[in-house]
Amino acid sequence: MSQVSCGCCGSPDHGLNRRGFLGAAAIAGAGALSADMTVLNLLKSPVFADEIKQQEKHVILLWLAGGASQLETWDPKPGRPTGGPFRAIDTNVPGIRISELMPKLAQRQHQTAIIRSLNTKNADHGGGADLMDTGRPREPGLLYPDLGSVVARELGRADSPVPDYVSMYTSTEGRRKGGPGFLGARYAPMFLDSGLIPDNIRRLESISDVDHQQRLDLRNLLNARFLRGRESASLASHNSAYQRVRGLMSSERLFDIEQEPQPMRDLYGPTQFAEQVLVARRLIEAGTPFVKVARAWWDSHGQNFETHLELVHELDHVMSTLLDDLEQRGLLDKTLVITLGEFGRTPQINQSLGRDHFASAWSASLSGCGIKRGMVFGKTDDDGNTVVEGEVGAPQLFATIFHALGIDPHKNYHVGARPVPLTEPGTKPIVEVLA
């Protein structure tokens, strides 16, 4: 078998140097590490933890399923016929005002860029969600990957013992959205539909720790003998898949919020959304590139103001806690936090005191990594009916997100012999939003 050079002689007297550890980890794969340590033990290594903070970038997408109202969040219109009952309040950035339902985020505006000029033109739940999942309209015969799968493909590591893409999803319509498209199952999300712990990830209770380790040792012994003198892409792929599954099994504790100190759990709060966002932070801290956390029931055709009084209050608290937590851990500069849904809501208030689907002039927010924070891009008219400055669509938003993460938005993938650009040809990022 070929020898692996790790930049040291192997003597315990020399310890573990940073470059040697990372080089050996990348070549040997996660299995060599997970064979004798859990993911959490691995993260205790200052070398590994520092590398995560210095090099990796991550995304936490807070998906507002059903379509949140921009007028009750990022683009209020107080005193106008479309404005509703809530006031606008000052933020800690002079000249920027947001809904009074977001007082905590108002004091963290310096961490966030607001985009108030989205015109995505599709106000159907299915079509709007598809568009805002992938950044482009559907095309017959070609299934585009969603944002999470692209980020997993571009920022994930083959040797990572943690999942590349986790989706904690409960939707208003009760269905999963998004997927890897033509990138294939390797970049599909790990869906958590029924709880915080992934299904089928735990070792069977009938198998003891000793038995589990002995089975691994036996497999590694037989595998090493079989591989002597053999080189095969299929064998390498099989071993990679096996080691990745073992890595995922060892990451179970990342999904367990009981591993967090009670004061931290109290800070986030007891709701399902709060607990999911706390798990998202744990995952990105461990190296997961993309986590989507959906909060359902924003589809407020009736009783819009009561709905948003509850949901925006929760979003304000949980997102503020997340931004503070990431900042204190030194992760905010490497983590892009996005609020987004399939569309916004109509400025006009219907007879049921609700707002209907609206995709012509709505808002999103970007916080953290690669973003010029404490600013607003774009403008809607006095009643919020149309965009009057800086109109952008889904492709420009996605190009901006990719650029903020260091991903070339003009990169081509290939489906067979056909080149497929990451964003639509000619799409430019919103440079005013980029740091």
Foldseek 3Di string as FASTA:
>chain_A
DDDDDQPDPPDCVVPHDLSSVVRCLQVVFQLVVLLPDFLVVVCVPPSVLVCLLPDAFAEEEAAAFQAAAQCQWQAAQPPDLLRPDWDWDAAPQPPGTTTPLQHLVSPVQQFKEKEFFAFAPDQDNVQLQQCLQQLDGDDPPFWAAGPQLVLLVVRNGLRALAAQEAEEDQHQVRDDDGAGTLVDDSSGHQYDDPALFGPPLEDDPVADPVNVSVVVVVVVVVLVVVCVPDDDPVSVVVVSVVSNSSSHSSCRCLSPCVVPPPVLLVQQHDDPQSSQVSSVVSRVSSPHRYYYGYDYDSNPLAPNVVVCSPPSNNVSRNVSSSCVVCVVVSRQQRYKYKYYYSAHWDSDQDPRRTTHGDNATGMMMIGGAFWNGSYYAFDADSSRHHTDHDHDYSLQQSCQVCVSNVHHQQDWDDDDNDTDGSGPPPHHHPVVTGD
